[in-house]
Amino acid sequence: TEVPIPEDMAAEVEEWRAKLIESVAEYDDTLMEKFFDDPN
């Protein structure tokens, strides 16, 4: 079942999601540009 992210994990999830997107963006120039403009 898909459920909302537990409240007590929100900050940790945000931190690790940002790290994931950064790692992926490093690998692809187009994504890197998008990452600097707006990671979302």
ModelCIF file with pLDDT and N, C-alpha, C, O atoms, coordinates in Angstrom:
data_MODEL
#
_entry.id   MODEL 
#
_entity.id                         1 
_entity.type                       polymer 
_entity.pdbx_number_of_molecules   1 
#
_entity_poly.entity_id                      1 
_entity_poly.type                           'polypeptide(L)' 
_entity_poly.nstd_linkage                   no 
_entity_poly.nstd_monomer                   no 
_entity_poly.pdbx_seq_one_letter_code       TEVPIPEDMAAEVEEWRAKLIESVAEYDDTLMEKFFDDPN 
_entity_poly.pdbx_seq_one_letter_code_can   TEVPIPEDMAAEVEEWRAKLIESVAEYDDTLMEKFFDDPN 
_entity_poly.pdbx_strand_id                 A 
#
loop_
_entity_poly_seq.entity_id 
_entity_poly_seq.num 
_entity_poly_seq.mon_id 
_entity_poly_seq.hetero 
1 1  THR n 
1 2  GLU n 
1 3  VAL n 
1 4  PRO n 
1 5  ILE n 
1 6  PRO n 
1 7  GLU n 
1 8  ASP n 
1 9  MET n 
1 10 ALA n 
1 11 ALA n 
1 12 GLU n 
1 13 VAL n 
1 14 GLU n 
1 15 GLU n 
1 16 TRP n 
1 17 ARG n 
1 18 ALA n 
1 19 LYS n 
1 20 LEU n 
1 21 ILE n 
1 22 GLU n 
1 23 SER n 
1 24 VAL n 
1 25 ALA n 
1 26 GLU n 
1 27 TYR n 
1 28 ASP n 
1 29 ASP n 
1 30 THR n 
1 31 LEU n 
1 32 MET n 
1 33 GLU n 
1 34 LYS n 
1 35 PHE n 
1 36 PHE n 
1 37 ASP n 
1 38 ASP n 
1 39 PRO n 
1 40 ASN n 
#
_struct_asym.id          A 
_struct_asym.entity_id   1 
#
loop_
_ma_qa_metric.id 
_ma_qa_metric.mode 
_ma_qa_metric.name 
_ma_qa_metric.software_group_id 
_ma_qa_metric.type 
1 global pLDDT . pLDDT 
2 local  pLDDT . pLDDT 
#
_ma_qa_metric_global.metric_id      1 
_ma_qa_metric_global.metric_value   84.90 
_ma_qa_metric_global.model_id       1 
_ma_qa_metric_global.ordinal_id     1 
#
loop_
_ma_qa_metric_local.label_asym_id 
_ma_qa_metric_local.label_comp_id 
_ma_qa_metric_local.label_seq_id 
_ma_qa_metric_local.metric_id 
_ma_qa_metric_local.metric_value 
_ma_qa_metric_local.model_id 
_ma_qa_metric_local.ordinal_id 
A THR 1  2 86.00 1 1  
A GLU 2  2 87.00 1 2  
A VAL 3  2 90.00 1 3  
A PRO 4  2 92.00 1 4  
A ILE 5  2 90.00 1 5  
A PRO 6  2 89.00 1 6  
A GLU 7  2 89.00 1 7  
A ASP 8  2 89.00 1 8  
A MET 9  2 90.00 1 9  
A ALA 10 2 89.00 1 10 
A ALA 11 2 91.00 1 11 
A GLU 12 2 92.00 1 12 
A VAL 13 2 91.00 1 13 
A GLU 14 2 90.00 1 14 
A GLU 15 2 91.00 1 15 
A TRP 16 2 92.00 1 16 
A ARG 17 2 88.00 1 17 
A ALA 18 2 87.00 1 18 
A LYS 19 2 89.00 1 19 
A LEU 20 2 89.00 1 20 
A ILE 21 2 86.00 1 21 
A GLU 22 2 85.00 1 22 
A SER 23 2 86.00 1 23 
A VAL 24 2 84.00 1 24 
A ALA 25 2 83.00 1 25 
A GLU 26 2 81.00 1 26 
A TYR 27 2 78.00 1 27 
A ASP 28 2 77.00 1 28 
A ASP 29 2 78.00 1 29 
A THR 30 2 81.00 1 30 
A LEU 31 2 81.00 1 31 
A MET 32 2 82.00 1 32 
A GLU 33 2 83.00 1 33 
A LYS 34 2 81.00 1 34 
A PHE 35 2 77.00 1 35 
A PHE 36 2 79.00 1 36 
A ASP 37 2 79.00 1 37 
A ASP 38 2 78.00 1 38 
A PRO 39 2 71.00 1 39 
A ASN 40 2 75.00 1 40 
#
loop_
_atom_site.group_PDB 
_atom_site.id 
_atom_site.type_symbol 
_atom_site.label_atom_id 
_atom_site.label_alt_id 
_atom_site.label_comp_id 
_atom_site.label_asym_id 
_atom_site.label_entity_id 
_atom_site.label_seq_id 
_atom_site.pdbx_PDB_ins_code 
_atom_site.Cartn_x 
_atom_site.Cartn_y 
_atom_site.Cartn_z 
_atom_site.occupancy 
_atom_site.B_iso_or_equiv 
_atom_site.pdbx_formal_charge 
_atom_site.auth_seq_id 
_atom_site.auth_comp_id 
_atom_site.auth_asym_id 
_atom_site.auth_atom_id 
_atom_site.pdbx_PDB_model_num 
ATOM 1   N N  . THR A 1 1  ? 0.858  -1.190 0.000   1.00 86.00 ? 1  THR A N  1 
ATOM 2   C CA . THR A 1 1  ? 0.000  0.000  0.000   1.00 86.00 ? 1  THR A CA 1 
ATOM 3   C C  . THR A 1 1  ? 0.886  1.230  0.000   1.00 86.00 ? 1  THR A C  1 
ATOM 4   O O  . THR A 1 1  ? 1.880  1.285  0.725   1.00 86.00 ? 1  THR A O  1 
ATOM 5   N N  . GLU A 1 2  ? 0.530  2.220  -0.812  1.00 87.00 ? 2  GLU A N  1 
ATOM 6   C CA . GLU A 1 2  ? 1.285  3.476  -0.791  1.00 87.00 ? 2  GLU A CA 1 
ATOM 7   C C  . GLU A 1 2  ? 0.681  4.381  0.276   1.00 87.00 ? 2  GLU A C  1 
ATOM 8   O O  . GLU A 1 2  ? -0.533 4.576  0.330   1.00 87.00 ? 2  GLU A O  1 
ATOM 9   N N  . VAL A 1 3  ? 1.551  4.934  1.128   1.00 90.00 ? 3  VAL A N  1 
ATOM 10  C CA . VAL A 1 3  ? 1.083  5.776  2.240   1.00 90.00 ? 3  VAL A CA 1 
ATOM 11  C C  . VAL A 1 3  ? 1.876  7.081  2.239   1.00 90.00 ? 3  VAL A C  1 
ATOM 12  O O  . VAL A 1 3  ? 2.959  7.140  1.658   1.00 90.00 ? 3  VAL A O  1 
ATOM 13  N N  . PRO A 1 4  ? 1.351  8.128  2.881   1.00 92.00 ? 4  PRO A N  1 
ATOM 14  C CA . PRO A 1 4  ? 2.139  9.365  2.978   1.00 92.00 ? 4  PRO A CA 1 
ATOM 15  C C  . PRO A 1 4  ? 3.416  9.120  3.795   1.00 92.00 ? 4  PRO A C  1 
ATOM 16  O O  . PRO A 1 4  ? 3.479  8.190  4.600   1.00 92.00 ? 4  PRO A O  1 
ATOM 17  N N  . ILE A 1 5  ? 4.419  9.958  3.578   1.00 90.00 ? 5  ILE A N  1 
ATOM 18  C CA . ILE A 1 5  ? 5.684  9.828  4.313   1.00 90.00 ? 5  ILE A CA 1 
ATOM 19  C C  . ILE A 1 5  ? 5.431  10.158 5.790   1.00 90.00 ? 5  ILE A C  1 
ATOM 20  O O  . ILE A 1 5  ? 4.824  11.185 6.095   1.00 90.00 ? 5  ILE A O  1 
ATOM 21  N N  . PRO A 1 6  ? 5.900  9.279  6.729   1.00 89.00 ? 6  PRO A N  1 
ATOM 22  C CA . PRO A 1 6  ? 5.718  9.585  8.158   1.00 89.00 ? 6  PRO A CA 1 
ATOM 23  C C  . PRO A 1 6  ? 6.307  10.957 8.494   1.00 89.00 ? 6  PRO A C  1 
ATOM 24  O O  . PRO A 1 6  ? 7.382  11.320 8.015   1.00 89.00 ? 6  PRO A O  1 
ATOM 25  N N  . GLU A 1 7  ? 5.571  11.723 9.337   1.00 89.00 ? 7  GLU A N  1 
ATOM 26  C CA . GLU A 1 7  ? 5.990  13.101 9.642   1.00 89.00 ? 7  GLU A CA 1 
ATOM 27  C C  . GLU A 1 7  ? 7.390  13.164 10.234  1.00 89.00 ? 7  GLU A C  1 
ATOM 28  O O  . GLU A 1 7  ? 8.176  14.050 9.901   1.00 89.00 ? 7  GLU A O  1 
ATOM 29  N N  . ASP A 1 8  ? 7.700  12.200 11.129  1.00 89.00 ? 8  ASP A N  1 
ATOM 30  C CA . ASP A 1 8  ? 9.013  12.261 11.794  1.00 89.00 ? 8  ASP A CA 1 
ATOM 31  C C  . ASP A 1 8  ? 10.173 11.982 10.835  1.00 89.00 ? 8  ASP A C  1 
ATOM 32  O O  . ASP A 1 8  ? 11.334 12.160 11.204  1.00 89.00 ? 8  ASP A O  1 
ATOM 33  N N  . MET A 1 9  ? 9.866  11.543 9.597   1.00 90.00 ? 9  MET A N  1 
ATOM 34  C CA . MET A 1 9  ? 10.928 11.258 8.622   1.00 90.00 ? 9  MET A CA 1 
ATOM 35  C C  . MET A 1 9  ? 11.049 12.354 7.568   1.00 90.00 ? 9  MET A C  1 
ATOM 36  O O  . MET A 1 9  ? 11.953 12.298 6.735   1.00 90.00 ? 9  MET A O  1 
ATOM 37  N N  . ALA A 1 10 ? 10.170 13.341 7.582   1.00 89.00 ? 10 ALA A N  1 
ATOM 38  C CA . ALA A 1 10 ? 10.095 14.330 6.494   1.00 89.00 ? 10 ALA A CA 1 
ATOM 39  C C  . ALA A 1 10 ? 11.442 14.994 6.215   1.00 89.00 ? 10 ALA A C  1 
ATOM 40  O O  . ALA A 1 10 ? 11.853 15.091 5.059   1.00 89.00 ? 10 ALA A O  1 
ATOM 41  N N  . ALA A 1 11 ? 12.143 15.459 7.278   1.00 91.00 ? 11 ALA A N  1 
ATOM 42  C CA . ALA A 1 11 ? 13.416 16.179 7.076   1.00 91.00 ? 11 ALA A CA 1 
ATOM 43  C C  . ALA A 1 11 ? 14.471 15.252 6.485   1.00 91.00 ? 11 ALA A C  1 
ATOM 44  O O  . ALA A 1 11 ? 15.216 15.640 5.586   1.00 91.00 ? 11 ALA A O  1 
ATOM 45  N N  . GLU A 1 12 ? 14.530 14.006 7.005   1.00 92.00 ? 12 GLU A N  1 
ATOM 46  C CA . GLU A 1 12 ? 15.526 13.029 6.530   1.00 92.00 ? 12 GLU A CA 1 
ATOM 47  C C  . GLU A 1 12 ? 15.261 12.668 5.065   1.00 92.00 ? 12 GLU A C  1 
ATOM 48  O O  . GLU A 1 12 ? 16.186 12.563 4.260   1.00 92.00 ? 12 GLU A O  1 
ATOM 49  N N  . VAL A 1 13 ? 13.975 12.481 4.739   1.00 91.00 ? 13 VAL A N  1 
ATOM 50  C CA . VAL A 1 13 ? 13.612 12.133 3.352   1.00 91.00 ? 13 VAL A CA 1 
ATOM 51  C C  . VAL A 1 13 ? 14.010 13.270 2.409   1.00 91.00 ? 13 VAL A C  1 
ATOM 52  O O  . VAL A 1 13 ? 14.538 13.029 1.323   1.00 91.00 ? 13 VAL A O  1 
ATOM 53  N N  . GLU A 1 14 ? 13.755 14.496 2.829   1.00 90.00 ? 14 GLU A N  1 
ATOM 54  C CA . GLU A 1 14 ? 14.088 15.655 1.992   1.00 90.00 ? 14 GLU A CA 1 
ATOM 55  C C  . GLU A 1 14 ? 15.597 15.713 1.732   1.00 90.00 ? 14 GLU A C  1 
ATOM 56  O O  . GLU A 1 14 ? 16.043 15.980 0.615   1.00 90.00 ? 14 GLU A O  1 
ATOM 57  N N  . GLU A 1 15 ? 16.370 15.457 2.792   1.00 91.00 ? 15 GLU A N  1 
ATOM 58  C CA . GLU A 1 15 ? 17.842 15.513 2.676   1.00 91.00 ? 15 GLU A CA 1 
ATOM 59  C C  . GLU A 1 15 ? 18.356 14.444 1.701   1.00 91.00 ? 15 GLU A C  1 
ATOM 60  O O  . GLU A 1 15 ? 19.176 14.725 0.827   1.00 91.00 ? 15 GLU A O  1 
ATOM 61  N N  . TRP A 1 16 ? 17.852 13.204 1.869   1.00 92.00 ? 16 TRP A N  1 
ATOM 62  C CA . TRP A 1 16 ? 18.370 12.112 1.031   1.00 92.00 ? 16 TRP A CA 1 
ATOM 63  C C  . TRP A 1 16 ? 17.824 12.187 -0.393  1.00 92.00 ? 16 TRP A C  1 
ATOM 64  O O  . TRP A 1 16 ? 18.495 11.761 -1.334  1.00 92.00 ? 16 TRP A O  1 
ATOM 65  N N  . ARG A 1 17 ? 16.612 12.726 -0.561  1.00 88.00 ? 17 ARG A N  1 
ATOM 66  C CA . ARG A 1 17 ? 16.075 12.897 -1.924  1.00 88.00 ? 17 ARG A CA 1 
ATOM 67  C C  . ARG A 1 17 ? 16.912 13.933 -2.668  1.00 88.00 ? 17 ARG A C  1 
ATOM 68  O O  . ARG A 1 17 ? 17.203 13.768 -3.853  1.00 88.00 ? 17 ARG A O  1 
ATOM 69  N N  . ALA A 1 18 ? 17.302 15.007 -1.964  1.00 87.00 ? 18 ALA A N  1 
ATOM 70  C CA . ALA A 1 18 ? 18.145 16.044 -2.587  1.00 87.00 ? 18 ALA A CA 1 
ATOM 71  C C  . ALA A 1 18 ? 19.490 15.441 -3.003  1.00 87.00 ? 18 ALA A C  1 
ATOM 72  O O  . ALA A 1 18 ? 20.010 15.738 -4.079  1.00 87.00 ? 18 ALA A O  1 
ATOM 73  N N  . LYS A 1 19 ? 20.055 14.572 -2.116  1.00 89.00 ? 19 LYS A N  1 
ATOM 74  C CA . LYS A 1 19 ? 21.344 13.920 -2.446  1.00 89.00 ? 19 LYS A CA 1 
ATOM 75  C C  . LYS A 1 19 ? 21.196 13.014 -3.664  1.00 89.00 ? 19 LYS A C  1 
ATOM 76  O O  . LYS A 1 19 ? 22.076 12.966 -4.524  1.00 89.00 ? 19 LYS A O  1 
ATOM 77  N N  . LEU A 1 20 ? 20.062 12.286 -3.729  1.00 89.00 ? 20 LEU A N  1 
ATOM 78  C CA . LEU A 1 20 ? 19.818 11.387 -4.864  1.00 89.00 ? 20 LEU A CA 1 
ATOM 79  C C  . LEU A 1 20 ? 19.744 12.195 -6.161  1.00 89.00 ? 20 LEU A C  1 
ATOM 80  O O  . LEU A 1 20 ? 20.387 11.848 -7.152  1.00 89.00 ? 20 LEU A O  1 
ATOM 81  N N  . ILE A 1 21 ? 18.951 13.280 -6.147  1.00 86.00 ? 21 ILE A N  1 
ATOM 82  C CA . ILE A 1 21 ? 18.781 14.081 -7.373  1.00 86.00 ? 21 ILE A CA 1 
ATOM 83  C C  . ILE A 1 21 ? 20.110 14.719 -7.766  1.00 86.00 ? 21 ILE A C  1 
ATOM 84  O O  . ILE A 1 21 ? 20.413 14.852 -8.952  1.00 86.00 ? 21 ILE A O  1 
ATOM 85  N N  . GLU A 1 22 ? 20.900 15.113 -6.770  1.00 85.00 ? 22 GLU A N  1 
ATOM 86  C CA . GLU A 1 22 ? 22.213 15.711 -7.060  1.00 85.00 ? 22 GLU A CA 1 
ATOM 87  C C  . GLU A 1 22 ? 23.139 14.676 -7.718  1.00 85.00 ? 22 GLU A C  1 
ATOM 88  O O  . GLU A 1 22 ? 23.826 14.980 -8.694  1.00 85.00 ? 22 GLU A O  1 
ATOM 89  N N  . SER A 1 23 ? 23.149 13.445 -7.170  1.00 86.00 ? 23 SER A N  1 
ATOM 90  C CA . SER A 1 23 ? 23.997 12.380 -7.750  1.00 86.00 ? 23 SER A CA 1 
ATOM 91  C C  . SER A 1 23 ? 23.604 12.094 -9.187  1.00 86.00 ? 23 SER A C  1 
ATOM 92  O O  . SER A 1 23 ? 24.459 11.910 -10.053 1.00 86.00 ? 23 SER A O  1 
ATOM 93  N N  . VAL A 1 24 ? 22.292 12.059 -9.432  1.00 84.00 ? 24 VAL A N  1 
ATOM 94  C CA . VAL A 1 24 ? 21.787 11.760 -10.777 1.00 84.00 ? 24 VAL A CA 1 
ATOM 95  C C  . VAL A 1 24 ? 22.093 12.916 -11.719 1.00 84.00 ? 24 VAL A C  1 
ATOM 96  O O  . VAL A 1 24 ? 22.477 12.707 -12.869 1.00 84.00 ? 24 VAL A O  1 
ATOM 97  N N  . ALA A 1 25 ? 21.917 14.158 -11.212 1.00 83.00 ? 25 ALA A N  1 
ATOM 98  C CA . ALA A 1 25 ? 22.142 15.347 -12.048 1.00 83.00 ? 25 ALA A CA 1 
ATOM 99  C C  . ALA A 1 25 ? 23.607 15.463 -12.460 1.00 83.00 ? 25 ALA A C  1 
ATOM 100 O O  . ALA A 1 25 ? 23.910 15.928 -13.559 1.00 83.00 ? 25 ALA A O  1 
ATOM 101 N N  . GLU A 1 26 ? 24.519 15.038 -11.575 1.00 81.00 ? 26 GLU A N  1 
ATOM 102 C CA . GLU A 1 26 ? 25.953 15.079 -11.908 1.00 81.00 ? 26 GLU A CA 1 
ATOM 103 C C  . GLU A 1 26 ? 26.252 14.242 -13.145 1.00 81.00 ? 26 GLU A C  1 
ATOM 104 O O  . GLU A 1 26 ? 27.207 14.498 -13.877 1.00 81.00 ? 26 GLU A O  1 
ATOM 105 N N  . TYR A 1 27 ? 25.413 13.241 -13.355 1.00 78.00 ? 27 TYR A N  1 
ATOM 106 C CA . TYR A 1 27 ? 25.674 12.290 -14.431 1.00 78.00 ? 27 TYR A CA 1 
ATOM 107 C C  . TYR A 1 27 ? 25.127 12.764 -15.775 1.00 78.00 ? 27 TYR A C  1 
ATOM 108 O O  . TYR A 1 27 ? 25.548 12.282 -16.827 1.00 78.00 ? 27 TYR A O  1 
ATOM 109 N N  . ASP A 1 28 ? 24.185 13.712 -15.735 1.00 77.00 ? 28 ASP A N  1 
ATOM 110 C CA . ASP A 1 28 ? 23.510 14.123 -16.972 1.00 77.00 ? 28 ASP A CA 1 
ATOM 111 C C  . ASP A 1 28 ? 23.469 15.653 -17.028 1.00 77.00 ? 28 ASP A C  1 
ATOM 112 O O  . ASP A 1 28 ? 22.876 16.292 -16.159 1.00 77.00 ? 28 ASP A O  1 
ATOM 113 N N  . ASP A 1 29 ? 24.103 16.240 -18.057 1.00 78.00 ? 29 ASP A N  1 
ATOM 114 C CA . ASP A 1 29 ? 24.216 17.710 -18.145 1.00 78.00 ? 29 ASP A CA 1 
ATOM 115 C C  . ASP A 1 29 ? 22.852 18.407 -18.183 1.00 78.00 ? 29 ASP A C  1 
ATOM 116 O O  . ASP A 1 29 ? 22.666 19.451 -17.557 1.00 78.00 ? 29 ASP A O  1 
ATOM 117 N N  . THR A 1 30 ? 21.889 17.815 -18.930 1.00 81.00 ? 30 THR A N  1 
ATOM 118 C CA . THR A 1 30 ? 20.560 18.448 -19.025 1.00 81.00 ? 30 THR A CA 1 
ATOM 119 C C  . THR A 1 30 ? 19.906 18.506 -17.652 1.00 81.00 ? 30 THR A C  1 
ATOM 120 O O  . THR A 1 30 ? 19.283 19.501 -17.280 1.00 81.00 ? 30 THR A O  1 
ATOM 121 N N  . LEU A 1 31 ? 20.065 17.404 -16.901 1.00 81.00 ? 31 LEU A N  1 
ATOM 122 C CA . LEU A 1 31 ? 19.470 17.364 -15.563 1.00 81.00 ? 31 LEU A CA 1 
ATOM 123 C C  . LEU A 1 31 ? 20.190 18.333 -14.633 1.00 81.00 ? 31 LEU A C  1 
ATOM 124 O O  . LEU A 1 31 ? 19.577 18.910 -13.735 1.00 81.00 ? 31 LEU A O  1 
ATOM 125 N N  . MET A 1 32 ? 21.504 18.511 -14.851 1.00 82.00 ? 32 MET A N  1 
ATOM 126 C CA . MET A 1 32 ? 22.279 19.427 -14.002 1.00 82.00 ? 32 MET A CA 1 
ATOM 127 C C  . MET A 1 32 ? 21.726 20.857 -14.136 1.00 82.00 ? 32 MET A C  1 
ATOM 128 O O  . MET A 1 32 ? 21.589 21.580 -13.149 1.00 82.00 ? 32 MET A O  1 
ATOM 129 N N  . GLU A 1 33 ? 21.413 21.242 -15.379 1.00 83.00 ? 33 GLU A N  1 
ATOM 130 C CA . GLU A 1 33 ? 20.837 22.585 -15.597 1.00 83.00 ? 33 GLU A CA 1 
ATOM 131 C C  . GLU A 1 33 ? 19.489 22.711 -14.881 1.00 83.00 ? 33 GLU A C  1 
ATOM 132 O O  . GLU A 1 33 ? 19.214 23.705 -14.208 1.00 83.00 ? 33 GLU A O  1 
ATOM 133 N N  . LYS A 1 34 ? 18.648 21.666 -15.047 1.00 81.00 ? 34 LYS A N  1 
ATOM 134 C CA . LYS A 1 34 ? 17.339 21.675 -14.384 1.00 81.00 ? 34 LYS A CA 1 
ATOM 135 C C  . LYS A 1 34 ? 17.514 21.725 -12.865 1.00 81.00 ? 34 LYS A C  1 
ATOM 136 O O  . LYS A 1 34 ? 16.758 22.395 -12.163 1.00 81.00 ? 34 LYS A O  1 
ATOM 137 N N  . PHE A 1 35 ? 18.522 21.006 -12.375 1.00 77.00 ? 35 PHE A N  1 
ATOM 138 C CA . PHE A 1 35 ? 18.767 20.922 -10.926 1.00 77.00 ? 35 PHE A CA 1 
ATOM 139 C C  . PHE A 1 35 ? 19.073 22.310 -10.355 1.00 77.00 ? 35 PHE A C  1 
ATOM 140 O O  . PHE A 1 35 ? 18.592 22.670 -9.280  1.00 77.00 ? 35 PHE A O  1 
ATOM 141 N N  . PHE A 1 36 ? 19.891 23.095 -11.101 1.00 79.00 ? 36 PHE A N  1 
ATOM 142 C CA . PHE A 1 36 ? 20.239 24.435 -10.612 1.00 79.00 ? 36 PHE A CA 1 
ATOM 143 C C  . PHE A 1 36 ? 19.046 25.397 -10.724 1.00 79.00 ? 36 PHE A C  1 
ATOM 144 O O  . PHE A 1 36 ? 18.863 26.279 -9.886  1.00 79.00 ? 36 PHE A O  1 
ATOM 145 N N  . ASP A 1 37 ? 18.238 25.204 -11.783 1.00 79.00 ? 37 ASP A N  1 
ATOM 146 C CA . ASP A 1 37 ? 17.066 26.089 -11.948 1.00 79.00 ? 37 ASP A CA 1 
ATOM 147 C C  . ASP A 1 37 ? 15.995 25.758 -10.895 1.00 79.00 ? 37 ASP A C  1 
ATOM 148 O O  . ASP A 1 37 ? 15.560 26.617 -10.129 1.00 79.00 ? 37 ASP A O  1 
ATOM 149 N N  . ASP A 1 38 ? 15.589 24.478 -10.890 1.00 78.00 ? 38 ASP A N  1 
ATOM 150 C CA . ASP A 1 38 ? 14.554 24.056 -9.940  1.00 78.00 ? 38 ASP A CA 1 
ATOM 151 C C  . ASP A 1 38 ? 14.609 22.529 -9.812  1.00 78.00 ? 38 ASP A C  1 
ATOM 152 O O  . ASP A 1 38 ? 14.139 21.818 -10.699 1.00 78.00 ? 38 ASP A O  1 
ATOM 153 N N  . PRO A 1 39 ? 15.189 22.015 -8.697  1.00 71.00 ? 39 PRO A N  1 
ATOM 154 C CA . PRO A 1 39 ? 15.334 20.554 -8.542  1.00 71.00 ? 39 PRO A CA 1 
ATOM 155 C C  . PRO A 1 39 ? 14.005 19.815 -8.674  1.00 71.00 ? 39 PRO A C  1 
ATOM 156 O O  . PRO A 1 39 ? 13.989 18.660 -9.099  1.00 71.00 ? 39 PRO A O  1 
ATOM 157 N N  . ASN A 1 40 ? 12.889 20.458 -8.318  1.00 75.00 ? 40 ASN A N  1 
ATOM 158 C CA . ASN A 1 40 ? 11.591 19.778 -8.378  1.00 75.00 ? 40 ASN A CA 1 
ATOM 159 C C  . ASN A 1 40 ? 11.064 19.627 -9.806  1.00 75.00 ? 40 ASN A C  1 
ATOM 160 O O  . ASN A 1 40 ? 9.983  19.074 -10.009 1.00 75.00 ? 40 ASN A O  1 
#
